[in-house]
Amino acid sequence: MKVIVLGAGVIGTTTAYYLAKAGHQVTVIEREAGPALETSFANAGQISPGYSTPWAAPDIPMKVAKWMFMRHAPLVIRPGAAVKAAPWLLAMLRNCTKARYVVNKGRMVRLAEYSRDCLRQLRADTGIEYDHRSLGTLQLFRTEKQVDDVAKDLRVLEADGVPFEMLDRNGCVRVEPGLAGSRDKIVGGLRLPDDETGDCFKFTNALAEIARGLGVQFRTGVTIERLATEGGRIRSAVTSAGEFEADAFVAALGSYTPAMLKTLGLRIPVIPVKGYSITVPIVDEAKAPVSTVMDETYKTGITRLGDRIRVGGTAEIAGFNLDLPRNRRETLELSVNDLFTGAGDLSQAQFWTGLRPMTPDSTPIVGGTTRYPNLYINTGHGTLGWTMACGSGRVLADIISGIKPEIETADLALSRYGA
């Protein structure tokens, strides 16, 4: 079957790889000069299935009200963008119940766990290198209330059979010796030993090369103008480089997917949520993290990537704005310097921003569409695109190939929104 994948981020590239492995003829169309140059370029770097947690939680409305008055708030909603995002925000609020939280987290963890298994198999099959480590994630708590609040997550982890351990401050320092200097600032942590880390940009580009070896064509620097239909199916992708016809089409355009599919009468409940990162060169190995530390207070992820520290976090509902305000950088610098003082040279940090595609229930949209039987969607992964990429790509390749996926996928499709 001839398949066109729209988008060459980590989601589109993994999808193309698995489709090619399944024997399909695949073309990837990407507007940038190469793979992973937008949202996949400098994310937090962690592959954290156990930390797959919905934004929509019972305590979020109260927290958002509190964050409005904080300088280093983990979530910022710009007024102008809030008006446009109002339907999405209301849908998210409807998911802020205990019952919906359990359902949403359960399916997120299911996909994320499967994705990690797929990544491990891919690594074994190909020998791909991307500054990866398999040393777990430590969710760090600075207050007793944060420890108490994690109880709801532990029940879901237990139900899904995800290994974890609760640590006191000494236990946190044992697994992350670089925290020794900030021991008195923490009260404990939740460790997820099976989580991994790695450079998403390096991975995506290395996988693109492997995919090319399987026959995948990457058409970069090509703008997708629209999808043309005929007889209730997608006939072609109309682009700046001409018209590309295929048997099946995969929309993996991240936050730009809704605009592309809106002209087809499809409503995709995904909005861009702006995230930031800094990449800091390590100057003192003994003070640096060995894996990923999630700072629960500032909602940042501090990850070791080779000889660098990647600090990712904060979230802004700001439309498609890509500016780099100084105060967002300060939040990331504050978090890493407070916990790993002296580990990196902050004066040499590279500051970056990207738009993460978020659904109101935090679960990605992976599957076919009922209106167009040859159109498939793979987007809406939010902050977990790197974590869920391989599983999402494998699942969608199986669906397109007519193979029953190894995990339940019915609740991942667009149809869950009644579309």
Protein backbone atom coordinates (compact mmCIF):
# COMPACT_ATOMS: atom_id res chain seq x y z
CA MET A 1 0.00 0.00 0.00
CA LYS A 2 1.18 3.52 -0.76
CA VAL A 3 1.02 5.71 2.36
CA ILE A 4 1.76 9.40 2.82
CA VAL A 5 2.72 10.63 6.28
CA LEU A 6 2.23 14.35 6.87
CA GLY A 7 4.88 15.60 9.28
CA ALA A 8 8.42 14.45 10.16
CA GLY A 9 8.50 15.02 13.89
CA VAL A 10 9.12 12.07 16.17
CA ILE A 11 5.50 10.92 15.73
CA GLY A 12 5.51 11.07 11.93
CA THR A 13 8.95 9.51 11.63
CA THR A 14 8.22 6.57 13.92
CA THR A 15 4.95 5.99 12.08
CA ALA A 16 6.81 5.97 8.75
CA TYR A 17 9.38 3.52 10.10
CA TYR A 18 6.79 1.01 11.31
CA LEU A 19 4.77 1.35 8.11
CA ALA A 20 7.90 0.60 6.07
CA LYS A 21 8.70 -2.36 8.32
CA ALA A 22 5.20 -3.65 7.54
CA GLY A 23 5.98 -3.53 3.83
CA HIS A 24 4.26 -0.32 2.77
CA GLN A 25 5.60 2.27 0.31
CA VAL A 26 5.93 5.41 2.42
CA THR A 27 6.51 9.09 1.66
CA VAL A 28 6.90 11.65 4.45
CA ILE A 29 6.12 15.29 3.64
CA GLU A 30 7.67 17.92 5.92
CA ARG A 31 7.74 21.72 5.60
CA GLU A 32 11.02 22.12 7.52
CA ALA A 33 14.46 21.34 6.07
CA GLY A 34 14.71 18.07 7.99
CA PRO A 35 13.08 15.86 10.64
CA ALA A 36 12.37 16.99 14.22
CA LEU A 37 13.07 20.68 13.78
CA GLU A 38 9.96 21.92 15.60
CA THR A 39 8.31 20.42 18.71
CA SER A 40 10.58 17.34 18.71
CA PHE A 41 13.78 19.40 18.61
CA ALA A 42 14.61 20.13 22.26
CA ASN A 43 12.00 18.57 24.53
CA ALA A 44 12.67 17.52 28.11
CA GLY A 45 14.27 14.25 27.01
CA GLN A 46 12.48 11.82 29.29
CA ILE A 47 10.66 8.64 28.33
CA SER A 48 8.40 8.33 31.35
CA PRO A 49 5.47 5.91 31.05
CA GLY A 50 4.81 5.94 34.78
CA TYR A 51 4.73 9.72 34.79
CA SER A 52 2.03 9.77 32.12
CA THR A 53 -0.41 11.91 34.04
CA PRO A 54 -3.44 13.83 32.74
CA TRP A 55 -3.48 17.56 33.07
CA ALA A 56 -7.15 17.29 33.90
CA ALA A 57 -7.11 16.31 37.57
CA PRO A 58 -9.57 17.07 40.39
CA ASP A 59 -7.25 19.64 42.00
CA ILE A 60 -6.25 21.46 38.80
CA PRO A 61 -8.93 24.24 38.87
CA MET A 62 -7.76 25.31 42.35
CA LYS A 63 -4.10 25.08 41.37
CA VAL A 64 -4.63 27.18 38.25
CA ALA A 65 -6.23 29.92 40.34
CA LYS A 66 -3.18 29.87 42.62
CA TRP A 67 -0.68 29.82 39.75
CA MET A 68 -2.16 33.01 38.29
CA PHE A 69 -0.35 34.99 41.00
CA MET A 70 3.01 33.15 40.85
CA ARG A 71 6.05 34.47 39.02
CA HIS A 72 7.33 30.96 38.29
CA ALA A 73 3.96 29.36 37.60
CA PRO A 74 4.06 26.01 35.78
CA LEU A 75 0.98 26.99 33.74
CA VAL A 76 0.25 30.37 32.16
CA ILE A 77 -2.90 31.20 30.21
CA ARG A 78 -2.62 34.35 28.11
CA PRO A 79 -5.97 36.19 27.99
CA GLY A 80 -6.23 36.49 24.21
CA ALA A 81 -5.46 32.82 23.67
CA ALA A 82 -7.87 31.79 26.43
CA VAL A 83 -10.82 33.19 24.48
CA LYS A 84 -9.96 31.13 21.40
CA ALA A 85 -9.25 28.06 23.53
CA ALA A 86 -12.44 28.39 25.61
CA PRO A 87 -14.19 25.26 24.22
CA TRP A 88 -11.04 23.22 24.82
CA LEU A 89 -10.64 24.59 28.36
CA LEU A 90 -14.26 23.73 29.19
CA ALA A 91 -13.74 20.22 27.85
CA MET A 92 -10.66 19.87 30.01
CA LEU A 93 -12.59 21.03 33.08
CA ARG A 94 -15.18 18.32 32.40
CA ASN A 95 -12.36 15.81 32.70
CA CYS A 96 -11.30 17.15 36.12
CA THR A 97 -13.13 14.45 38.09
CA LYS A 98 -11.73 11.49 39.97
CA ALA A 99 -13.47 9.03 37.69
CA ARG A 100 -12.24 10.65 34.46
CA TYR A 101 -8.74 11.04 35.88
CA VAL A 102 -8.46 7.30 36.51
CA VAL A 103 -9.76 6.45 33.03
CA ASN A 104 -7.49 8.95 31.27
CA LYS A 105 -4.37 8.05 33.22
CA GLY A 106 -5.01 4.34 32.71
CA ARG A 107 -5.11 4.58 28.93
CA MET A 108 -2.15 6.97 28.85
CA VAL A 109 -0.03 4.58 30.89
CA ARG A 110 -1.17 1.67 28.71
CA LEU A 111 0.06 3.35 25.54
CA ALA A 112 3.20 4.73 27.16
CA GLU A 113 4.24 1.36 28.63
CA TYR A 114 3.70 -0.31 25.27
CA SER A 115 5.66 2.47 23.58
CA ARG A 116 8.64 1.94 25.86
CA ASP A 117 8.60 -1.77 25.04
CA CYS A 118 8.49 -0.94 21.32
CA LEU A 119 11.42 1.45 21.73
CA ARG A 120 13.48 -1.21 23.48
CA GLN A 121 12.78 -3.67 20.67
CA LEU A 122 13.59 -1.04 18.05
CA ARG A 123 16.88 -0.34 19.82
CA ALA A 124 17.72 -4.05 19.89
CA ASP A 125 16.81 -4.43 16.21
CA THR A 126 18.70 -1.41 14.90
CA GLY A 127 21.39 -0.46 17.44
CA ILE A 128 20.17 3.15 17.23
CA GLU A 129 22.05 5.66 19.40
CA TYR A 130 20.61 8.86 20.87
CA ASP A 131 22.32 9.60 24.23
CA HIS A 132 19.92 7.16 25.89
CA ARG A 133 20.01 5.95 29.48
CA SER A 134 17.77 3.48 31.31
CA LEU A 135 18.10 4.69 34.89
CA GLY A 136 14.55 5.67 35.76
CA THR A 137 12.73 8.87 36.71
CA LEU A 138 12.60 10.50 40.13
CA GLN A 139 9.56 12.68 40.83
CA LEU A 140 10.83 15.01 43.54
CA PHE A 141 8.62 16.42 46.31
CA ARG A 142 9.47 19.52 48.32
CA THR A 143 6.41 19.40 50.61
CA GLU A 144 4.46 16.75 52.52
CA LYS A 145 1.32 17.79 50.68
CA GLN A 146 2.93 16.80 47.38
CA VAL A 147 3.67 13.38 48.87
CA ASP A 148 0.06 13.04 49.98
CA ASP A 149 -1.28 14.13 46.59
CA VAL A 150 0.61 11.41 44.73
CA ALA A 151 -1.49 8.68 46.38
CA LYS A 152 -4.05 8.70 43.54
CA ASP A 153 -1.28 8.06 41.03
CA LEU A 154 0.11 5.16 43.04
CA ARG A 155 -3.23 3.36 42.87
CA VAL A 156 -3.24 3.61 39.07
CA LEU A 157 0.39 2.45 38.86
CA GLU A 158 -0.41 -0.54 41.07
CA ALA A 159 -3.45 -1.44 38.98
CA ASP A 160 -1.38 -1.32 35.79
CA GLY A 161 1.54 -3.25 37.28
CA VAL A 162 4.02 -0.38 36.88
CA PRO A 163 7.05 -0.77 39.19
CA PHE A 164 7.67 2.14 41.57
CA GLU A 165 9.15 2.97 44.95
CA MET A 166 8.56 5.80 47.40
CA LEU A 167 11.78 7.29 48.75
CA ASP A 168 12.66 9.54 51.65
CA ARG A 169 15.18 12.35 51.14
CA ASN A 170 18.12 10.01 51.78
CA GLY A 171 16.75 7.59 49.21
CA CYS A 172 16.48 10.41 46.68
CA VAL A 173 20.12 11.34 47.21
CA ARG A 174 21.11 7.67 46.90
CA VAL A 175 19.67 7.39 43.38
CA GLU A 176 20.63 10.96 42.39
CA PRO A 177 23.87 11.84 44.25
CA GLY A 178 23.90 15.30 42.69
CA LEU A 179 21.00 16.19 45.02
CA ALA A 180 23.27 15.99 48.09
CA GLY A 181 23.67 19.74 48.23
CA SER A 182 19.91 20.31 48.19
CA ARG A 183 18.98 17.50 50.59
CA ASP A 184 17.23 19.85 53.03
CA LYS A 185 14.97 21.24 50.28
CA ILE A 186 13.27 17.92 49.56
CA VAL A 187 11.08 15.61 51.63
CA GLY A 188 10.93 12.59 49.35
CA GLY A 189 10.24 11.27 45.90
CA LEU A 190 8.53 8.72 43.70
CA ARG A 191 10.97 6.65 41.66
CA LEU A 192 9.93 4.90 38.47
CA PRO A 193 12.89 2.58 37.75
CA ASP A 194 11.80 1.49 34.26
CA ASP A 195 11.72 4.99 32.76
CA GLU A 196 14.38 6.08 30.27
CA THR A 197 15.96 9.22 28.84
CA GLY A 198 17.31 10.25 25.45
CA ASP A 199 17.71 13.01 22.90
CA CYS A 200 14.53 13.06 20.80
CA PHE A 201 16.12 15.08 17.99
CA LYS A 202 19.03 12.65 17.66
CA PHE A 203 16.67 9.68 17.79
CA THR A 204 14.30 11.05 15.14
CA ASN A 205 17.08 11.84 12.70
CA ALA A 206 18.81 8.51 13.25
CA LEU A 207 15.50 6.70 12.74
CA ALA A 208 14.83 8.71 9.59
CA GLU A 209 18.10 7.38 8.17
CA ILE A 210 17.10 3.83 9.06
CA ALA A 211 13.68 4.42 7.48
CA ARG A 212 15.34 5.68 4.29
CA GLY A 213 17.18 2.37 4.19
CA LEU A 214 13.78 0.68 4.19
CA GLY A 215 12.68 2.76 1.21
CA VAL A 216 10.93 5.68 2.95
CA GLN A 217 11.16 8.94 1.00
CA PHE A 218 11.39 12.18 2.97
CA ARG A 219 10.21 15.21 1.00
CA THR A 220 11.47 18.10 3.15
CA GLY A 221 10.99 21.81 2.59
CA VAL A 222 7.56 21.06 1.13
CA THR A 223 4.47 22.94 2.35
CA ILE A 224 1.22 21.00 2.56
CA GLU A 225 -1.58 23.19 1.24
CA ARG A 226 -4.60 20.90 1.57
CA LEU A 227 -5.93 17.38 1.26
CA ALA A 228 -8.03 16.75 -1.86
CA THR A 229 -10.99 14.36 -1.67
CA GLU A 230 -12.83 12.20 -4.17
CA GLY A 231 -15.66 9.74 -3.60
CA GLY A 232 -15.58 10.08 0.18
CA ARG A 233 -11.85 9.36 0.41
CA ILE A 234 -8.65 11.38 0.45
CA ARG A 235 -7.22 11.37 -3.06
CA SER A 236 -4.06 13.40 -2.62
CA ALA A 237 -2.00 15.87 -0.66
CA VAL A 238 -1.73 19.14 -2.58
CA THR A 239 1.64 20.74 -1.80
CA SER A 240 4.09 23.39 -2.91
CA ALA A 241 5.92 20.59 -4.77
CA GLY A 242 2.85 19.27 -6.55
CA GLU A 243 0.15 16.71 -5.86
CA PHE A 244 0.94 13.44 -4.06
CA GLU A 245 -1.56 10.62 -4.44
CA ALA A 246 -1.69 7.59 -2.14
CA ASP A 247 -3.89 4.82 -0.79
CA ALA A 248 -3.75 6.09 2.79
CA PHE A 249 -2.79 9.31 4.58
CA VAL A 250 -1.54 9.90 8.12
CA ALA A 251 -1.91 13.36 9.70
CA ALA A 252 0.95 13.74 12.17
CA LEU A 253 1.28 17.52 12.12
CA GLY A 254 1.18 18.11 15.86
CA SER A 255 -0.58 21.33 16.80
CA TYR A 256 -1.17 22.14 13.13
CA THR A 257 -3.29 19.03 12.53
CA PRO A 258 -6.67 20.67 13.39
CA ALA A 259 -6.25 23.45 10.82
CA MET A 260 -5.30 20.97 8.10
CA LEU A 261 -8.30 18.73 8.77
CA LYS A 262 -10.84 21.46 9.51
CA THR A 263 -11.44 22.00 5.79
CA LEU A 264 -12.49 18.33 5.61
CA GLY A 265 -15.18 18.90 8.22
CA LEU A 266 -13.23 17.18 11.00
CA ARG A 267 -13.00 18.77 14.43
CA ILE A 268 -9.77 17.78 16.14
CA PRO A 269 -9.79 18.92 19.81
CA VAL A 270 -6.10 19.77 19.95
CA ILE A 271 -4.55 23.10 20.89
CA PRO A 272 -0.91 24.21 21.02
CA VAL A 273 0.52 24.35 24.53
CA LYS A 274 3.80 26.19 24.51
CA GLY A 275 6.70 24.60 26.34
CA TYR A 276 10.25 25.75 26.98
CA SER A 277 13.63 24.17 27.56
CA ILE A 278 17.23 25.09 28.22
CA THR A 279 20.17 22.87 27.31
CA VAL A 280 23.07 23.36 29.67
CA PRO A 281 26.66 22.07 29.27
CA ILE A 282 27.84 20.10 32.31
CA VAL A 283 30.84 21.52 34.17
CA ASP A 284 30.80 19.30 37.28
CA GLU A 285 29.85 15.62 36.77
CA ALA A 286 29.51 14.95 40.50
CA LYS A 287 26.79 17.58 40.84
CA ALA A 288 24.84 16.65 37.70
CA PRO A 289 21.78 14.40 37.45
CA VAL A 290 22.32 10.81 36.30
CA SER A 291 18.86 10.42 34.77
CA THR A 292 15.63 12.48 34.99
CA VAL A 293 14.38 14.40 38.00
CA MET A 294 10.87 15.84 37.86
CA ASP A 295 10.62 18.91 40.08
CA GLU A 296 7.01 18.72 41.24
CA THR A 297 6.99 22.31 42.52
CA TYR A 298 7.93 23.95 39.23
CA LYS A 299 6.68 21.11 36.99
CA THR A 300 10.05 20.87 35.24
CA GLY A 301 11.96 17.85 34.00
CA ILE A 302 15.74 17.89 34.53
CA THR A 303 17.38 15.28 32.32
CA ARG A 304 20.91 14.09 31.68
CA LEU A 305 21.69 13.88 27.95
CA GLY A 306 25.33 12.88 27.49
CA ASP A 307 27.46 15.85 28.53
CA ARG A 308 24.43 18.15 28.73
CA ILE A 309 21.51 18.82 31.05
CA ARG A 310 18.14 19.44 29.42
CA VAL A 311 15.60 21.30 31.57
CA GLY A 312 12.11 21.36 30.12
CA GLY A 313 8.87 22.64 31.49
CA THR A 314 6.30 25.34 32.01
CA ALA A 315 3.22 25.41 29.86
CA GLU A 316 1.55 28.36 28.19
CA ILE A 317 -1.74 28.54 26.41
CA ALA A 318 -0.67 31.30 24.07
CA GLY A 319 -1.84 30.24 20.63
CA PHE A 320 0.93 29.79 18.08
CA ASN A 321 3.21 32.37 19.68
CA LEU A 322 6.90 31.37 19.62
CA ASP A 323 8.56 34.23 21.52
CA LEU A 324 11.15 33.51 24.23
CA PRO A 325 10.39 35.65 27.32
CA ARG A 326 13.16 35.99 29.87
CA ASN A 327 10.97 35.03 32.85
CA ARG A 328 10.30 31.57 31.35
CA ARG A 329 14.04 30.96 31.12
CA GLU A 330 14.44 32.11 34.70
CA THR A 331 11.99 29.46 35.91
CA LEU A 332 14.00 26.67 34.26
CA GLU A 333 17.27 28.07 35.54
CA LEU A 334 15.85 28.40 39.05
CA SER A 335 14.72 24.78 39.16
CA VAL A 336 17.98 23.21 37.96
CA ASN A 337 20.24 25.55 39.92
CA ASP A 338 18.25 25.06 43.12
CA LEU A 339 18.52 21.27 42.95
CA PHE A 340 21.82 20.74 41.11
CA THR A 341 23.78 23.84 42.07
CA GLY A 342 26.98 24.23 40.08
CA ALA A 343 26.37 21.25 37.81
CA GLY A 344 26.10 23.22 34.58
CA ASP A 345 27.15 26.51 33.05
CA LEU A 346 23.89 28.43 32.83
CA SER A 347 25.57 31.30 30.98
CA GLN A 348 26.02 28.91 28.03
CA ALA A 349 22.49 27.51 28.10
CA GLN A 350 20.54 27.32 24.85
CA PHE A 351 16.95 28.53 25.23
CA TRP A 352 14.19 26.98 23.10
CA THR A 353 10.41 26.80 22.77
CA GLY A 354 8.00 24.44 21.03
CA LEU A 355 4.26 23.90 20.65
CA ARG A 356 2.98 20.69 22.22
CA PRO A 357 -0.32 19.37 20.80
CA MET A 358 -2.71 18.76 23.70
CA THR A 359 -6.12 17.12 23.90
CA PRO A 360 -8.56 18.05 26.71
CA ASP A 361 -8.30 14.55 28.23
CA SER A 362 -4.49 14.38 27.74
CA THR A 363 -4.77 11.17 25.69
CA PRO A 364 -3.44 11.33 22.12
CA ILE A 365 -5.61 10.71 19.09
CA VAL A 366 -4.32 7.60 17.33
CA GLY A 367 -6.43 5.79 14.75
CA GLY A 368 -8.66 6.10 11.72
CA THR A 369 -11.50 8.48 10.95
CA THR A 370 -15.04 7.37 10.20
CA ARG A 371 -15.73 10.10 7.64
CA TYR A 372 -12.70 9.25 5.47
CA PRO A 373 -11.76 5.56 5.66
CA ASN A 374 -8.24 6.14 4.31
CA LEU A 375 -7.37 9.06 6.61
CA TYR A 376 -5.60 8.36 9.90
CA ILE A 377 -4.56 10.64 12.76
CA ASN A 378 -1.54 10.48 15.08
CA THR A 379 -1.38 13.61 17.21
CA GLY A 380 -2.33 15.15 20.56
CA HIS A 381 0.47 13.64 22.66
CA GLY A 382 1.07 16.84 24.60
CA THR A 383 4.20 16.66 26.74
CA LEU A 384 4.52 12.91 26.09
CA GLY A 385 5.22 12.71 22.37
CA TRP A 386 8.71 11.30 22.97
CA THR A 387 7.36 8.87 25.55
CA MET A 388 4.53 7.57 23.35
CA ALA A 389 6.06 7.89 19.88
CA CYS A 390 7.10 4.31 19.15
CA GLY A 391 3.92 2.80 20.54
CA SER A 392 1.73 5.24 18.62
CA GLY A 393 3.62 4.61 15.39
CA ARG A 394 3.45 0.84 15.80
CA VAL A 395 -0.26 0.88 16.69
CA LEU A 396 -1.15 3.01 13.69
CA ALA A 397 0.96 0.92 11.32
CA ASP A 398 -0.86 -2.18 12.57
CA ILE A 399 -4.27 -0.55 12.09
CA ILE A 400 -3.43 0.55 8.54
CA SER A 401 -2.06 -2.93 7.78
CA GLY A 402 -5.25 -4.60 9.01
CA ILE A 403 -3.44 -6.20 11.95
CA LYS A 404 -4.98 -6.24 15.42
CA PRO A 405 -2.77 -4.06 17.65
CA GLU A 406 -1.20 -5.65 20.71
CA ILE A 407 -2.98 -3.21 23.05
CA GLU A 408 -6.54 -1.85 23.20
CA THR A 409 -6.85 1.14 20.85
CA ALA A 410 -10.57 1.84 20.49
CA ASP A 411 -10.45 4.56 23.17
CA LEU A 412 -7.54 6.30 21.44
CA ALA A 413 -9.38 7.16 18.23
CA LEU A 414 -11.06 10.44 17.27
CA SER A 415 -14.43 8.71 17.66
CA ARG A 416 -14.21 9.06 21.44
CA TYR A 417 -15.13 12.72 20.94
CA GLY A 418 -18.17 11.79 18.88
CA ALA A 419 -16.47 12.83 15.63
